[in-house]
Amino acid sequence: MTVSQALLAFTIAAGLLTITPGLDTALVLRTAAVEGPKRAMLAGLGICCGCLVWAAAASVGLGALLAASQLAYRVLQISGAIYLLYLGLTLLFRRRHTPLEVNNDIDLKAEHPGSWYWRGLLTNLLNPKVGIFYVTFLPQFIPMGVNVISFSLLLAFIHATQGILWFGLLTTATRPLSRWLKRPGTAITLDRITGAVLVAFGIDLLLRKRPAV
């Protein structure tokens, strides 16, 4: 496989994986619908930066260690599950404000914008399945004779760019419905749905056995 063939094949494969509905999509969609496009894109940026960190770790062998060590995988698995359960339960039992407060984003302005970035980053970094994905997926697209670390980061950058573009498309799609989506009743429903999804992901992550590598 030549470099150009590897890049083309990875771009197609990673693009299909990017648009597959999952935890990242649910998090960004909910944030865009209830908390606005800026915060949604910050969360998406955090998720994409997490992908870059995982790719760097995998390329220097840390990801392989995670794949080989039952203890390391389990520790990260439990940490990620607890974090997802925390986010999900927070949304499930979140107290909504009055319509005036929601429209003015009084409660959101009090929180530092960077917190949405960290929310996305931690959601990604505490998911060991992402690490296993990079350990097993990236090597298939690394041609002979290239610098493994540099090429792995290039592939991860392509994946992250696709993620940002996809999150931007999702965020834009919510704008025509923004007024309806920010109504207290709608926001509560979205919180409950997203919270239930996050809790389900957390339970699944906690109970899931380590995939074979």
Protein backbone atom coordinates (compact mmCIF):
# COMPACT_ATOMS: atom_id res chain seq x y z
CA MET A 1 0.00 0.00 0.00
CA THR A 2 1.42 3.37 -1.04
CA VAL A 3 1.16 6.50 1.09
CA SER A 4 -1.54 8.01 -1.13
CA GLN A 5 -3.52 4.77 -1.11
CA ALA A 6 -3.25 4.54 2.68
CA LEU A 7 -4.42 8.12 3.13
CA LEU A 8 -7.38 7.65 0.79
CA ALA A 9 -8.43 4.36 2.36
CA PHE A 10 -8.14 5.74 5.89
CA THR A 11 -10.05 8.90 5.01
CA ILE A 12 -12.97 6.86 3.69
CA ALA A 13 -12.97 4.37 6.57
CA ALA A 14 -12.57 7.03 9.27
CA GLY A 15 -15.26 9.18 7.65
CA LEU A 16 -17.77 6.35 7.82
CA LEU A 17 -16.88 5.73 11.45
CA THR A 18 -17.18 9.44 12.25
CA ILE A 19 -20.79 9.72 11.08
CA THR A 20 -21.84 6.50 12.84
CA PRO A 21 -24.10 7.53 15.75
CA GLY A 22 -22.51 7.07 19.15
CA LEU A 23 -21.60 8.71 22.42
CA ASP A 24 -19.75 11.64 20.84
CA THR A 25 -22.67 12.46 18.53
CA ALA A 26 -25.15 12.33 21.41
CA LEU A 27 -23.03 14.63 23.56
CA VAL A 28 -22.51 17.24 20.84
CA LEU A 29 -26.12 17.16 19.65
CA ARG A 30 -27.50 17.64 23.14
CA THR A 31 -25.05 20.45 23.88
CA ALA A 32 -25.87 22.22 20.61
CA ALA A 33 -29.62 21.90 21.14
CA VAL A 34 -29.76 23.07 24.75
CA GLU A 35 -26.58 25.07 25.42
CA GLY A 36 -25.75 26.58 22.03
CA PRO A 37 -23.35 26.05 19.11
CA LYS A 38 -20.24 27.54 20.75
CA ARG A 39 -20.37 25.15 23.68
CA ALA A 40 -21.17 22.23 21.37
CA MET A 41 -18.13 22.94 19.22
CA LEU A 42 -15.94 23.27 22.32
CA ALA A 43 -17.11 19.81 23.40
CA GLY A 44 -16.46 18.52 19.89
CA LEU A 45 -12.99 20.05 19.90
CA GLY A 46 -12.26 18.31 23.19
CA ILE A 47 -13.38 14.98 21.71
CA CYS A 48 -11.15 15.46 18.66
CA CYS A 49 -8.15 16.45 20.81
CA GLY A 50 -8.73 13.25 22.77
CA CYS A 51 -8.40 11.32 19.52
CA LEU A 52 -5.03 12.98 18.88
CA VAL A 53 -3.84 12.06 22.37
CA TRP A 54 -4.92 8.44 21.90
CA ALA A 55 -3.19 8.26 18.51
CA ALA A 56 0.04 9.64 19.97
CA ALA A 57 -0.14 7.16 22.85
CA ALA A 58 -0.81 4.25 20.51
CA SER A 59 2.03 5.22 18.19
CA VAL A 60 4.62 5.17 20.99
CA GLY A 61 3.35 1.93 22.51
CA LEU A 62 1.18 3.13 25.38
CA GLY A 63 -1.93 2.02 23.57
CA ALA A 64 -0.40 -1.41 23.04
CA LEU A 65 0.26 -1.59 26.77
CA LEU A 66 -3.37 -0.77 27.42
CA ALA A 67 -4.41 -3.50 25.00
CA ALA A 68 -2.11 -6.05 26.66
CA SER A 69 -2.72 -5.20 30.30
CA GLN A 70 -5.98 -6.37 31.82
CA LEU A 71 -5.44 -4.20 34.89
CA ALA A 72 -4.68 -1.01 32.94
CA TYR A 73 -7.70 -1.54 30.73
CA ARG A 74 -9.97 -2.28 33.68
CA VAL A 75 -8.85 0.80 35.64
CA LEU A 76 -9.51 3.08 32.68
CA GLN A 77 -12.75 1.26 31.93
CA ILE A 78 -14.10 1.79 35.45
CA SER A 79 -12.98 5.44 35.47
CA GLY A 80 -14.70 6.08 32.15
CA ALA A 81 -17.87 4.30 33.24
CA ILE A 82 -18.07 6.34 36.45
CA TYR A 83 -17.58 9.58 34.51
CA LEU A 84 -20.30 8.69 31.98
CA LEU A 85 -22.67 7.69 34.78
CA TYR A 86 -21.95 11.00 36.51
CA LEU A 87 -22.72 13.00 33.35
CA GLY A 88 -25.82 10.94 32.61
CA LEU A 89 -27.27 11.11 36.11
CA THR A 90 -26.55 14.84 36.25
CA LEU A 91 -28.68 15.33 33.13
CA LEU A 92 -31.40 12.96 34.32
CA PHE A 93 -31.86 14.82 37.59
CA ARG A 94 -30.87 18.30 36.45
CA ARG A 95 -33.12 21.06 37.78
CA ARG A 96 -34.40 23.23 34.95
CA HIS A 97 -34.80 26.99 35.31
CA THR A 98 -37.67 29.21 34.30
CA PRO A 99 -38.15 30.11 30.60
CA LEU A 100 -36.68 33.57 31.18
CA GLU A 101 -33.57 32.12 32.76
CA VAL A 102 -33.18 29.56 30.01
CA ASN A 103 -33.49 32.17 27.27
CA ASN A 104 -30.92 34.39 28.91
CA ASP A 105 -28.55 31.49 29.65
CA ILE A 106 -28.05 32.82 33.18
CA ASP A 107 -26.97 29.45 34.52
CA LEU A 108 -24.65 28.78 31.57
CA LYS A 109 -22.82 32.09 31.71
CA ALA A 110 -21.70 31.33 35.23
CA GLU A 111 -19.76 28.31 34.00
CA HIS A 112 -16.38 28.80 32.31
CA PRO A 113 -16.56 28.09 28.55
CA GLY A 114 -13.54 25.81 28.80
CA SER A 115 -15.52 23.35 30.89
CA TRP A 116 -17.31 22.11 27.76
CA TYR A 117 -13.94 21.44 26.11
CA TRP A 118 -12.80 19.43 29.12
CA ARG A 119 -16.11 17.57 29.18
CA GLY A 120 -15.54 16.39 25.60
CA LEU A 121 -11.86 15.63 26.19
CA LEU A 122 -12.47 13.55 29.32
CA THR A 123 -15.37 11.71 27.69
CA ASN A 124 -12.95 10.61 24.97
CA LEU A 125 -9.85 9.95 27.07
CA LEU A 126 -11.71 7.89 29.67
CA ASN A 127 -13.11 5.56 27.03
CA PRO A 128 -10.65 2.64 26.65
CA LYS A 129 -12.49 1.48 23.54
CA VAL A 130 -11.07 4.52 21.74
CA GLY A 131 -7.55 3.43 22.72
CA ILE A 132 -8.18 -0.11 21.52
CA PHE A 133 -9.63 1.31 18.31
CA TYR A 134 -6.45 3.24 17.55
CA VAL A 135 -4.21 0.29 18.44
CA THR A 136 -6.07 -2.03 16.06
CA PHE A 137 -7.23 0.42 13.38
CA LEU A 138 -4.28 2.71 12.64
CA PRO A 139 -1.67 0.01 11.90
CA GLN A 140 -3.75 -1.23 8.98
CA PHE A 141 -3.15 2.08 7.19
CA ILE A 142 0.55 2.64 7.89
CA PRO A 143 2.66 1.85 4.80
CA MET A 144 6.13 0.36 4.97
CA GLY A 145 9.02 2.80 5.24
CA VAL A 146 7.20 5.73 6.89
CA ASN A 147 7.80 7.20 10.34
CA VAL A 148 5.19 5.42 12.43
CA ILE A 149 4.66 8.20 14.97
CA SER A 150 4.41 10.99 12.39
CA PHE A 151 2.14 9.03 10.07
CA SER A 152 -0.09 7.90 12.95
CA LEU A 153 -0.52 11.51 14.03
CA LEU A 154 -1.29 12.50 10.44
CA LEU A 155 -4.03 9.87 10.27
CA ALA A 156 -5.39 10.99 13.65
CA PHE A 157 -5.38 14.61 12.44
CA ILE A 158 -7.46 13.54 9.42
CA HIS A 159 -9.87 11.73 11.74
CA ALA A 160 -10.06 14.75 14.08
CA THR A 161 -10.69 17.11 11.15
CA GLN A 162 -13.52 14.91 9.95
CA GLY A 163 -14.91 14.96 13.48
CA ILE A 164 -14.86 18.75 13.68
CA LEU A 165 -16.59 19.03 10.29
CA TRP A 166 -19.23 16.50 11.33
CA PHE A 167 -19.85 18.21 14.67
CA GLY A 168 -20.10 21.52 12.86
CA LEU A 169 -22.73 20.06 10.53
CA LEU A 170 -24.70 18.64 13.45
CA THR A 171 -24.51 21.95 15.31
CA THR A 172 -25.65 23.91 12.25
CA ALA A 173 -28.57 21.54 11.78
CA THR A 174 -29.94 22.46 15.20
CA ARG A 175 -29.94 26.23 14.60
CA PRO A 176 -33.29 26.52 12.75
CA LEU A 177 -34.92 24.76 15.70
CA SER A 178 -32.94 26.56 18.40
CA ARG A 179 -35.87 28.51 19.86
CA TRP A 180 -38.03 25.37 20.10
CA LEU A 181 -35.14 23.28 21.42
CA LYS A 182 -34.46 25.76 24.22
CA ARG A 183 -38.00 25.66 25.56
CA PRO A 184 -37.98 24.26 29.12
CA GLY A 185 -40.13 21.25 28.23
CA THR A 186 -38.02 20.38 25.19
CA ALA A 187 -34.77 20.95 27.08
CA ILE A 188 -35.93 18.67 29.88
CA THR A 189 -36.82 15.93 27.39
CA LEU A 190 -33.44 16.25 25.66
CA ASP A 191 -31.66 16.15 29.01
CA ARG A 192 -33.54 13.01 30.00
CA ILE A 193 -32.89 11.26 26.67
CA THR A 194 -29.21 12.19 26.58
CA GLY A 195 -28.80 11.34 30.26
CA ALA A 196 -30.33 7.91 29.67
CA VAL A 197 -28.01 7.36 26.69
CA LEU A 198 -24.95 8.33 28.73
CA VAL A 199 -26.00 6.08 31.62
CA ALA A 200 -26.53 3.22 29.15
CA PHE A 201 -23.07 3.82 27.66
CA GLY A 202 -21.59 3.92 31.16
CA ILE A 203 -23.21 0.64 32.20
CA ASP A 204 -22.22 -0.98 28.90
CA LEU A 205 -18.63 0.19 29.33
CA LEU A 206 -18.54 -1.07 32.91
CA LEU A 207 -19.84 -4.54 32.00
CA ARG A 208 -18.15 -4.95 28.62
CA LYS A 209 -15.27 -7.39 28.42
CA ARG A 210 -11.98 -6.24 26.94
CA PRO A 211 -12.03 -6.80 23.17
CA ALA A 212 -9.50 -9.18 21.72
CA VAL A 213 -6.60 -7.51 19.92
